[in-house]
């Protein structure tokens, strides 16, 4: 997993700002910084970059999906196709409200790969934040089931500690 930094201070503020339509340019800039800081990402020879999908109702409310903005920017930087082959089938409880143990169960059956265009491909999945890795793990499982050969992940920030359902560290 390629990580720009820890989910704290200025990077945390930037990631949160990027969850609004007015923060899309900031997400693009942070995505460029991620690629430039993690130069080995260019050596992966990935065939496609895909975002962690957001359920259509959540995206409608929020107005944007920062993972989608990231995927487009990173795909452009790496000069590989941006693909949107993963769908979010169900709207479930937000991960941030759940304990680490509950997050994996919450992701079960949530995603679906459309078609088999990623069969035999090397894929980079991107998201804004990784906490327990449950979301990225669920998507990786879906991609490997349809025959993707390798799945990598890239995030802007990774939490240093897992927050439980009560918001305590």
N, C-alpha and C. Protein backbone atom coordinates (compact mmCIF):
# COMPACT_ATOMS: atom_id res chain seq x y z
N UNK A 1 0.85 -1.17 0.00
CA UNK A 1 0.00 0.00 0.00
C UNK A 1 0.89 1.24 0.00
N UNK A 2 0.57 2.15 -0.89
CA UNK A 2 1.27 3.42 -0.97
C UNK A 2 0.48 4.45 -0.16
N UNK A 3 1.17 5.14 0.74
CA UNK A 3 0.52 6.08 1.66
C UNK A 3 1.28 7.41 1.61
N UNK A 4 0.55 8.50 1.47
CA UNK A 4 1.18 9.81 1.49
C UNK A 4 1.61 10.17 2.91
N UNK A 5 0.76 9.94 3.90
CA UNK A 5 1.12 10.29 5.28
C UNK A 5 0.08 9.85 6.27
N UNK A 6 0.30 10.24 7.52
CA UNK A 6 -0.61 9.90 8.62
C UNK A 6 -1.85 10.80 8.59
N UNK A 7 -2.95 10.25 9.00
CA UNK A 7 -4.22 10.96 9.03
C UNK A 7 -4.26 11.85 10.28
N UNK A 8 -3.51 12.94 10.21
CA UNK A 8 -3.50 13.90 11.31
C UNK A 8 -3.06 15.26 10.77
N UNK A 9 -3.26 16.25 11.58
CA UNK A 9 -2.82 17.62 11.31
C UNK A 9 -3.30 18.13 9.94
N UNK A 10 -2.38 18.68 9.15
CA UNK A 10 -2.75 19.31 7.87
C UNK A 10 -3.27 18.30 6.85
N UNK A 11 -2.70 17.10 6.82
CA UNK A 11 -3.17 16.11 5.85
C UNK A 11 -4.61 15.69 6.19
N UNK A 12 -4.91 15.53 7.45
CA UNK A 12 -6.28 15.20 7.87
C UNK A 12 -7.24 16.30 7.43
N UNK A 13 -6.86 17.55 7.67
CA UNK A 13 -7.69 18.68 7.27
C UNK A 13 -7.89 18.69 5.75
N UNK A 14 -6.84 18.39 5.00
CA UNK A 14 -6.95 18.34 3.55
C UNK A 14 -7.84 17.23 3.06
N UNK A 15 -7.74 16.05 3.67
CA UNK A 15 -8.59 14.92 3.29
C UNK A 15 -10.06 15.25 3.58
N UNK A 16 -10.32 15.83 4.74
CA UNK A 16 -11.70 16.19 5.10
C UNK A 16 -12.24 17.25 4.14
N UNK A 17 -11.43 18.25 3.82
CA UNK A 17 -11.86 19.29 2.86
C UNK A 17 -12.13 18.68 1.49
N UNK A 18 -11.39 17.64 1.13
CA UNK A 18 -11.56 16.99 -0.17
C UNK A 18 -12.83 16.17 -0.29
N UNK A 19 -13.56 16.02 0.79
CA UNK A 19 -14.82 15.27 0.76
C UNK A 19 -15.99 16.16 0.33
N UNK A 20 -15.69 17.40 -0.04
CA UNK A 20 -16.70 18.34 -0.53
C UNK A 20 -16.33 18.75 -1.95
N UNK A 21 -17.32 19.10 -2.77
CA UNK A 21 -17.00 19.51 -4.15
C UNK A 21 -15.98 20.64 -4.22
N UNK A 22 -16.00 21.54 -3.27
CA UNK A 22 -15.05 22.67 -3.28
C UNK A 22 -13.61 22.21 -3.02
N UNK A 23 -13.42 20.97 -2.56
CA UNK A 23 -12.09 20.47 -2.27
C UNK A 23 -11.50 19.57 -3.34
N UNK A 24 -12.16 19.46 -4.49
CA UNK A 24 -11.68 18.55 -5.54
C UNK A 24 -10.29 18.92 -6.05
N UNK A 25 -9.99 20.21 -6.18
CA UNK A 25 -8.66 20.63 -6.65
C UNK A 25 -7.59 20.24 -5.62
N UNK A 26 -7.94 20.30 -4.35
CA UNK A 26 -7.00 19.89 -3.31
C UNK A 26 -6.71 18.39 -3.39
N UNK A 27 -7.75 17.59 -3.66
CA UNK A 27 -7.56 16.14 -3.82
C UNK A 27 -6.66 15.85 -5.02
N UNK A 28 -6.85 16.59 -6.11
CA UNK A 28 -5.98 16.42 -7.28
C UNK A 28 -4.52 16.72 -6.92
N UNK A 29 -4.31 17.81 -6.18
CA UNK A 29 -2.95 18.19 -5.80
C UNK A 29 -2.33 17.16 -4.86
N UNK A 30 -3.10 16.66 -3.90
CA UNK A 30 -2.60 15.64 -2.98
C UNK A 30 -2.30 14.33 -3.73
N UNK A 31 -3.10 14.02 -4.73
CA UNK A 31 -2.87 12.82 -5.54
C UNK A 31 -1.57 12.95 -6.32
N UNK A 32 -1.32 14.12 -6.88
CA UNK A 32 -0.05 14.37 -7.58
C UNK A 32 1.13 14.26 -6.63
N UNK A 33 0.96 14.77 -5.43
CA UNK A 33 2.01 14.69 -4.42
C UNK A 33 2.28 13.23 -4.04
N UNK A 34 1.22 12.44 -3.91
CA UNK A 34 1.38 11.01 -3.61
C UNK A 34 2.21 10.31 -4.67
N UNK A 35 1.91 10.55 -5.93
CA UNK A 35 2.66 9.91 -7.03
C UNK A 35 4.11 10.40 -7.04
N UNK A 36 4.31 11.69 -6.82
CA UNK A 36 5.68 12.21 -6.87
C UNK A 36 6.50 11.78 -5.66
N UNK A 37 5.86 11.59 -4.51
CA UNK A 37 6.59 11.16 -3.31
C UNK A 37 6.83 9.66 -3.25
N UNK A 38 5.98 8.90 -3.87
CA UNK A 38 6.09 7.43 -3.86
C UNK A 38 6.44 6.99 -5.29
N UNK A 39 7.68 7.28 -5.69
CA UNK A 39 8.13 7.07 -7.06
C UNK A 39 8.06 5.60 -7.50
N UNK A 40 8.15 4.67 -6.57
CA UNK A 40 8.08 3.25 -6.95
C UNK A 40 6.69 2.89 -7.48
N UNK A 41 5.70 3.74 -7.25
CA UNK A 41 4.37 3.50 -7.80
C UNK A 41 4.43 3.46 -9.33
N UNK A 42 5.32 4.26 -9.91
CA UNK A 42 5.45 4.31 -11.37
C UNK A 42 6.05 3.03 -11.93
N UNK A 43 6.76 2.28 -11.11
CA UNK A 43 7.41 1.05 -11.55
C UNK A 43 6.51 -0.18 -11.48
N UNK A 44 5.28 -0.03 -11.02
CA UNK A 44 4.37 -1.16 -10.85
C UNK A 44 3.86 -1.73 -12.17
N UNK A 45 3.86 -0.93 -13.21
CA UNK A 45 3.30 -1.32 -14.51
C UNK A 45 1.85 -1.79 -14.37
N UNK A 46 1.04 -0.97 -13.69
CA UNK A 46 -0.37 -1.33 -13.55
C UNK A 46 -1.09 -1.13 -14.87
N UNK A 47 -2.16 -1.90 -15.03
CA UNK A 47 -2.97 -1.81 -16.25
C UNK A 47 -4.16 -0.88 -16.08
N UNK A 48 -4.52 -0.59 -14.83
CA UNK A 48 -5.69 0.26 -14.58
C UNK A 48 -5.64 0.80 -13.16
N UNK A 49 -6.25 1.98 -12.99
CA UNK A 49 -6.42 2.58 -11.67
C UNK A 49 -7.92 2.70 -11.45
N UNK A 50 -8.37 2.21 -10.28
CA UNK A 50 -9.81 2.28 -9.99
C UNK A 50 -10.04 2.88 -8.60
N UNK A 51 -11.13 3.63 -8.46
CA UNK A 51 -11.44 4.22 -7.16
C UNK A 51 -12.25 3.26 -6.30
N UNK A 52 -12.19 3.46 -4.99
CA UNK A 52 -13.15 2.80 -4.11
C UNK A 52 -14.48 3.49 -4.41
N UNK A 53 -15.48 2.71 -4.78
CA UNK A 53 -16.75 3.33 -5.16
C UNK A 53 -17.55 3.81 -3.94
N UNK A 54 -18.43 4.72 -4.22
CA UNK A 54 -19.33 5.24 -3.20
C UNK A 54 -20.75 4.92 -3.64
N UNK A 55 -21.60 4.54 -2.72
CA UNK A 55 -23.00 4.28 -3.06
C UNK A 55 -23.59 5.55 -3.66
N UNK A 56 -24.45 5.39 -4.67
CA UNK A 56 -24.97 6.54 -5.39
C UNK A 56 -25.70 7.52 -4.48
N UNK A 57 -26.40 7.04 -3.45
CA UNK A 57 -27.11 7.96 -2.56
C UNK A 57 -26.14 8.81 -1.74
N UNK A 58 -25.06 8.19 -1.27
CA UNK A 58 -24.07 8.93 -0.50
C UNK A 58 -23.37 9.96 -1.38
N UNK A 59 -23.07 9.56 -2.62
CA UNK A 59 -22.42 10.51 -3.53
C UNK A 59 -23.37 11.67 -3.87
N UNK A 60 -24.64 11.38 -4.01
CA UNK A 60 -25.62 12.41 -4.32
C UNK A 60 -25.68 13.44 -3.18
N UNK A 61 -25.65 12.95 -1.94
CA UNK A 61 -25.68 13.85 -0.78
C UNK A 61 -24.38 14.65 -0.68
N UNK A 62 -23.26 13.97 -0.83
CA UNK A 62 -21.95 14.62 -0.66
C UNK A 62 -21.59 15.50 -1.85
N UNK A 63 -21.96 15.09 -3.05
CA UNK A 63 -21.66 15.88 -4.24
C UNK A 63 -20.36 15.51 -4.93
N UNK A 64 -19.58 14.64 -4.34
CA UNK A 64 -18.30 14.23 -4.92
C UNK A 64 -17.84 12.94 -4.26
N UNK A 65 -16.86 12.29 -4.90
CA UNK A 65 -16.21 11.11 -4.33
C UNK A 65 -14.71 11.36 -4.49
N UNK A 66 -14.04 11.65 -3.39
CA UNK A 66 -12.62 11.98 -3.47
C UNK A 66 -11.79 10.83 -4.04
N UNK A 67 -12.20 9.59 -3.79
CA UNK A 67 -11.46 8.45 -4.37
C UNK A 67 -11.55 8.47 -5.89
N UNK A 68 -12.68 8.88 -6.42
CA UNK A 68 -12.86 8.97 -7.86
C UNK A 68 -11.95 10.06 -8.46
N UNK A 69 -11.89 11.20 -7.79
CA UNK A 69 -11.01 12.29 -8.23
C UNK A 69 -9.56 11.81 -8.19
N UNK A 70 -9.19 11.13 -7.10
CA UNK A 70 -7.83 10.60 -6.96
C UNK A 70 -7.49 9.63 -8.09
N UNK A 71 -8.40 8.69 -8.35
CA UNK A 71 -8.14 7.67 -9.37
C UNK A 71 -7.90 8.30 -10.74
N UNK A 72 -8.70 9.27 -11.09
CA UNK A 72 -8.52 9.94 -12.38
C UNK A 72 -7.17 10.64 -12.46
N UNK A 73 -6.80 11.33 -11.39
CA UNK A 73 -5.54 12.07 -11.37
C UNK A 73 -4.34 11.12 -11.39
N UNK A 74 -4.40 10.06 -10.59
CA UNK A 74 -3.28 9.11 -10.53
C UNK A 74 -3.15 8.36 -11.85
N UNK A 75 -4.28 7.96 -12.43
CA UNK A 75 -4.24 7.28 -13.73
C UNK A 75 -3.59 8.18 -14.78
N UNK A 76 -3.94 9.45 -14.76
CA UNK A 76 -3.35 10.40 -15.70
C UNK A 76 -1.84 10.53 -15.46
N UNK A 77 -1.44 10.63 -14.21
CA UNK A 77 -0.02 10.75 -13.88
C UNK A 77 0.78 9.52 -14.29
N UNK A 78 0.17 8.34 -14.12
CA UNK A 78 0.85 7.10 -14.46
C UNK A 78 0.68 6.72 -15.93
N UNK A 79 -0.17 7.46 -16.63
CA UNK A 79 -0.48 7.22 -18.03
C UNK A 79 -1.05 5.82 -18.26
N UNK A 80 -2.03 5.48 -17.43
CA UNK A 80 -2.75 4.21 -17.56
C UNK A 80 -4.24 4.50 -17.51
N UNK A 81 -5.07 3.57 -17.95
CA UNK A 81 -6.51 3.82 -17.94
C UNK A 81 -7.10 3.95 -16.54
N UNK A 82 -8.02 4.89 -16.43
CA UNK A 82 -8.89 5.01 -15.26
C UNK A 82 -10.08 4.11 -15.55
N UNK A 83 -10.43 3.27 -14.61
CA UNK A 83 -11.58 2.36 -14.80
C UNK A 83 -12.50 2.51 -13.61
N UNK A 84 -13.76 2.25 -13.85
CA UNK A 84 -14.77 2.34 -12.79
C UNK A 84 -15.56 1.03 -12.79
N UNK A 85 -14.85 -0.09 -12.62
CA UNK A 85 -15.45 -1.42 -12.76
C UNK A 85 -16.02 -1.99 -11.47
N UNK A 86 -15.88 -1.28 -10.37
CA UNK A 86 -16.40 -1.76 -9.10
C UNK A 86 -17.63 -0.93 -8.75
N UNK A 87 -18.68 -1.61 -8.32
CA UNK A 87 -19.90 -0.92 -7.89
C UNK A 87 -20.14 -1.22 -6.42
N UNK A 88 -20.72 -0.24 -5.76
CA UNK A 88 -21.13 -0.39 -4.37
C UNK A 88 -22.59 -0.82 -4.41
N UNK A 89 -22.85 -2.08 -4.04
CA UNK A 89 -24.18 -2.64 -4.16
C UNK A 89 -25.13 -2.18 -3.06
N UNK A 90 -24.61 -1.99 -1.87
CA UNK A 90 -25.48 -1.69 -0.73
C UNK A 90 -24.98 -0.47 0.04
N UNK A 91 -25.92 0.30 0.51
CA UNK A 91 -25.60 1.40 1.41
C UNK A 91 -25.61 0.82 2.82
N UNK A 92 -24.47 0.85 3.46
CA UNK A 92 -24.36 0.29 4.81
C UNK A 92 -23.90 1.37 5.77
N UNK A 93 -23.78 1.00 7.03
CA UNK A 93 -23.35 1.96 8.05
C UNK A 93 -21.96 2.49 7.72
N UNK A 94 -21.71 3.77 7.98
CA UNK A 94 -20.37 4.33 7.75
C UNK A 94 -19.33 3.60 8.60
N UNK A 95 -18.19 3.30 7.99
CA UNK A 95 -17.13 2.57 8.68
C UNK A 95 -16.64 3.31 9.93
N UNK A 96 -16.63 4.64 9.86
CA UNK A 96 -16.10 5.40 10.99
C UNK A 96 -16.91 5.21 12.27
N UNK A 97 -18.12 4.70 12.14
CA UNK A 97 -18.96 4.47 13.31
C UNK A 97 -18.76 3.09 13.93
N UNK A 98 -17.92 2.27 13.30
CA UNK A 98 -17.80 0.87 13.71
C UNK A 98 -16.44 0.55 14.33
N UNK A 99 -16.43 -0.48 15.15
CA UNK A 99 -15.17 -0.97 15.70
C UNK A 99 -14.39 -1.66 14.59
N UNK A 100 -13.12 -1.90 14.82
CA UNK A 100 -12.28 -2.58 13.83
C UNK A 100 -12.87 -3.94 13.48
N UNK A 101 -13.34 -4.66 14.46
CA UNK A 101 -13.90 -6.00 14.23
C UNK A 101 -15.17 -5.94 13.37
N UNK A 102 -15.98 -4.92 13.58
CA UNK A 102 -17.24 -4.80 12.86
C UNK A 102 -17.06 -4.33 11.42
N UNK A 103 -15.95 -3.68 11.13
CA UNK A 103 -15.74 -3.11 9.79
C UNK A 103 -15.66 -4.17 8.70
N UNK A 104 -14.98 -5.26 8.96
CA UNK A 104 -14.87 -6.33 7.96
C UNK A 104 -16.24 -6.91 7.64
N UNK A 105 -17.03 -7.17 8.66
CA UNK A 105 -18.38 -7.70 8.46
C UNK A 105 -19.25 -6.70 7.70
N UNK A 106 -19.08 -5.42 7.95
CA UNK A 106 -19.85 -4.38 7.28
C UNK A 106 -19.55 -4.33 5.79
N UNK A 107 -18.35 -4.72 5.40
CA UNK A 107 -17.94 -4.70 3.99
C UNK A 107 -18.39 -5.95 3.23
N UNK A 108 -18.74 -7.01 3.92
CA UNK A 108 -19.12 -8.27 3.26
C UNK A 108 -20.27 -8.05 2.29
N UNK A 109 -20.06 -8.45 1.05
CA UNK A 109 -21.10 -8.35 0.02
C UNK A 109 -21.40 -6.95 -0.44
N UNK A 110 -20.60 -6.00 -0.08
CA UNK A 110 -20.89 -4.61 -0.42
C UNK A 110 -20.51 -4.24 -1.85
N UNK A 111 -19.48 -4.90 -2.41
CA UNK A 111 -18.96 -4.51 -3.71
C UNK A 111 -19.17 -5.60 -4.75
N UNK A 112 -19.20 -5.16 -6.00
CA UNK A 112 -19.39 -6.06 -7.13
C UNK A 112 -18.54 -5.55 -8.30
N UNK A 113 -17.85 -6.47 -8.98
CA UNK A 113 -17.07 -6.09 -10.15
C UNK A 113 -17.94 -6.25 -11.39
N UNK A 114 -18.05 -5.20 -12.20
CA UNK A 114 -18.82 -5.25 -13.45
C UNK A 114 -17.94 -5.86 -14.53
N UNK A 115 -18.41 -6.93 -15.15
CA UNK A 115 -17.69 -7.54 -16.26
C UNK A 115 -16.41 -8.21 -15.83
N UNK A 116 -15.59 -8.57 -16.82
CA UNK A 116 -14.32 -9.23 -16.52
C UNK A 116 -13.15 -8.55 -17.26
N UNK A 117 -13.28 -7.26 -17.52
CA UNK A 117 -12.23 -6.53 -18.23
C UNK A 117 -10.93 -6.45 -17.42
N UNK A 118 -11.00 -6.69 -16.13
CA UNK A 118 -9.80 -6.62 -15.29
C UNK A 118 -9.17 -7.99 -15.08
N UNK A 119 -9.72 -9.01 -15.72
CA UNK A 119 -9.14 -10.34 -15.61
C UNK A 119 -7.74 -10.32 -16.22
N UNK A 120 -6.78 -10.86 -15.48
CA UNK A 120 -5.40 -10.90 -15.94
C UNK A 120 -4.67 -9.56 -15.85
N UNK A 121 -5.28 -8.58 -15.21
CA UNK A 121 -4.70 -7.22 -15.14
C UNK A 121 -4.09 -6.95 -13.77
N UNK A 122 -3.17 -5.99 -13.77
CA UNK A 122 -2.55 -5.47 -12.55
C UNK A 122 -3.28 -4.17 -12.22
N UNK A 123 -3.90 -4.11 -11.04
CA UNK A 123 -4.82 -3.02 -10.71
C UNK A 123 -4.33 -2.24 -9.49
N UNK A 124 -4.47 -0.93 -9.55
CA UNK A 124 -4.21 -0.06 -8.41
C UNK A 124 -5.54 0.50 -7.94
N UNK A 125 -5.91 0.19 -6.70
CA UNK A 125 -7.15 0.69 -6.09
C UNK A 125 -6.79 1.88 -5.21
N UNK A 126 -7.55 2.97 -5.32
CA UNK A 126 -7.25 4.16 -4.52
C UNK A 126 -8.43 4.59 -3.66
N UNK A 127 -8.08 5.13 -2.50
CA UNK A 127 -9.06 5.68 -1.56
C UNK A 127 -8.39 6.82 -0.82
N UNK A 128 -9.19 7.64 -0.15
CA UNK A 128 -8.60 8.76 0.56
C UNK A 128 -7.96 8.35 1.89
N UNK A 129 -8.62 7.49 2.67
CA UNK A 129 -8.11 7.11 3.99
C UNK A 129 -8.22 5.60 4.18
N UNK A 130 -7.22 5.02 4.82
CA UNK A 130 -7.27 3.62 5.24
C UNK A 130 -7.13 3.58 6.76
N UNK A 131 -8.03 2.85 7.39
CA UNK A 131 -7.96 2.70 8.84
C UNK A 131 -7.59 1.26 9.16
N UNK A 132 -8.54 0.35 9.00
CA UNK A 132 -8.26 -1.07 9.24
C UNK A 132 -7.89 -1.80 7.96
N UNK A 133 -8.21 -1.21 6.82
CA UNK A 133 -7.98 -1.86 5.53
C UNK A 133 -9.14 -2.73 5.09
N UNK A 134 -10.25 -2.72 5.83
CA UNK A 134 -11.39 -3.58 5.51
C UNK A 134 -11.98 -3.28 4.14
N UNK A 135 -12.10 -2.03 3.78
CA UNK A 135 -12.66 -1.67 2.47
C UNK A 135 -11.73 -2.12 1.36
N UNK A 136 -10.46 -1.79 1.47
CA UNK A 136 -9.50 -2.19 0.44
C UNK A 136 -9.40 -3.71 0.34
N UNK A 137 -9.49 -4.39 1.44
CA UNK A 137 -9.44 -5.85 1.45
C UNK A 137 -10.66 -6.43 0.73
N UNK A 138 -11.84 -5.88 0.98
CA UNK A 138 -13.05 -6.38 0.33
C UNK A 138 -12.99 -6.19 -1.19
N UNK A 139 -12.48 -5.04 -1.63
CA UNK A 139 -12.35 -4.78 -3.06
C UNK A 139 -11.28 -5.68 -3.67
N UNK A 140 -10.17 -5.85 -2.98
CA UNK A 140 -9.12 -6.74 -3.46
C UNK A 140 -9.66 -8.15 -3.64
N UNK A 141 -10.44 -8.62 -2.70
CA UNK A 141 -11.04 -9.95 -2.79
C UNK A 141 -11.92 -10.07 -4.05
N UNK A 142 -12.74 -9.06 -4.31
CA UNK A 142 -13.60 -9.07 -5.51
C UNK A 142 -12.76 -9.13 -6.78
N UNK A 143 -11.69 -8.33 -6.84
CA UNK A 143 -10.86 -8.29 -8.03
C UNK A 143 -10.11 -9.60 -8.26
N UNK A 144 -9.62 -10.19 -7.19
CA UNK A 144 -8.92 -11.47 -7.32
C UNK A 144 -9.89 -12.59 -7.73
N UNK A 145 -11.13 -12.51 -7.26
CA UNK A 145 -12.14 -13.50 -7.65
C UNK A 145 -12.41 -13.51 -9.14
N UNK A 146 -12.35 -12.34 -9.78
CA UNK A 146 -12.62 -12.29 -11.23
C UNK A 146 -11.35 -12.48 -12.05
N UNK A 147 -10.21 -12.68 -11.36
CA UNK A 147 -8.98 -13.02 -12.07
C UNK A 147 -7.95 -11.93 -12.25
N UNK A 148 -8.08 -10.80 -11.53
CA UNK A 148 -7.01 -9.81 -11.57
C UNK A 148 -5.75 -10.49 -11.04
N UNK A 149 -4.61 -10.21 -11.65
CA UNK A 149 -3.38 -10.91 -11.24
C UNK A 149 -2.75 -10.32 -9.99
N UNK A 150 -2.74 -8.99 -9.90
CA UNK A 150 -2.16 -8.31 -8.74
C UNK A 150 -3.02 -7.09 -8.43
N UNK A 151 -3.20 -6.83 -7.13
CA UNK A 151 -3.94 -5.65 -6.71
C UNK A 151 -3.08 -4.87 -5.72
N UNK A 152 -2.83 -3.62 -6.05
CA UNK A 152 -2.10 -2.70 -5.18
C UNK A 152 -3.10 -1.68 -4.64
N UNK A 153 -2.70 -0.95 -3.61
CA UNK A 153 -3.55 0.09 -3.04
C UNK A 153 -2.74 1.35 -2.81
N UNK A 154 -3.42 2.48 -2.92
CA UNK A 154 -2.81 3.77 -2.63
C UNK A 154 -3.85 4.62 -1.90
N UNK A 155 -3.41 5.28 -0.84
CA UNK A 155 -4.29 6.16 -0.07
C UNK A 155 -3.54 7.44 0.26
N UNK A 156 -4.29 8.49 0.47
CA UNK A 156 -3.67 9.74 0.89
C UNK A 156 -3.20 9.64 2.33
N UNK A 157 -4.01 9.02 3.17
CA UNK A 157 -3.66 8.97 4.60
C UNK A 157 -4.04 7.64 5.21
N UNK A 158 -3.26 7.28 6.20
CA UNK A 158 -3.52 6.06 6.98
C UNK A 158 -3.57 6.46 8.44
N UNK A 159 -4.60 5.96 9.13
CA UNK A 159 -4.69 6.27 10.55
C UNK A 159 -3.64 5.50 11.32
N UNK A 160 -3.13 6.10 12.35
CA UNK A 160 -2.13 5.45 13.19
C UNK A 160 -2.79 4.56 14.23
N UNK A 161 -4.00 4.90 14.58
CA UNK A 161 -4.75 4.15 15.58
C UNK A 161 -6.14 3.88 15.04
N UNK A 162 -6.73 2.82 15.51
CA UNK A 162 -8.10 2.50 15.11
C UNK A 162 -9.04 3.09 16.15
N UNK A 163 -10.05 3.78 15.68
CA UNK A 163 -11.06 4.35 16.56
C UNK A 163 -12.21 3.35 16.68
N UNK A 164 -12.69 3.12 17.90
CA UNK A 164 -13.80 2.19 18.07
C UNK A 164 -15.13 2.88 17.82
N UNK A 165 -16.20 2.14 17.93
CA UNK A 165 -17.52 2.66 17.57
C UNK A 165 -17.95 3.84 18.44
N UNK A 166 -17.38 3.97 19.63
CA UNK A 166 -17.74 5.08 20.50
C UNK A 166 -16.89 6.32 20.23
N UNK A 167 -16.01 6.22 19.24
CA UNK A 167 -15.16 7.36 18.91
C UNK A 167 -13.93 7.45 19.78
N UNK A 168 -13.66 6.43 20.57
CA UNK A 168 -12.48 6.42 21.44
C UNK A 168 -11.34 5.69 20.78
N UNK A 169 -10.13 6.11 21.07
CA UNK A 169 -8.95 5.47 20.51
C UNK A 169 -8.43 4.41 21.43
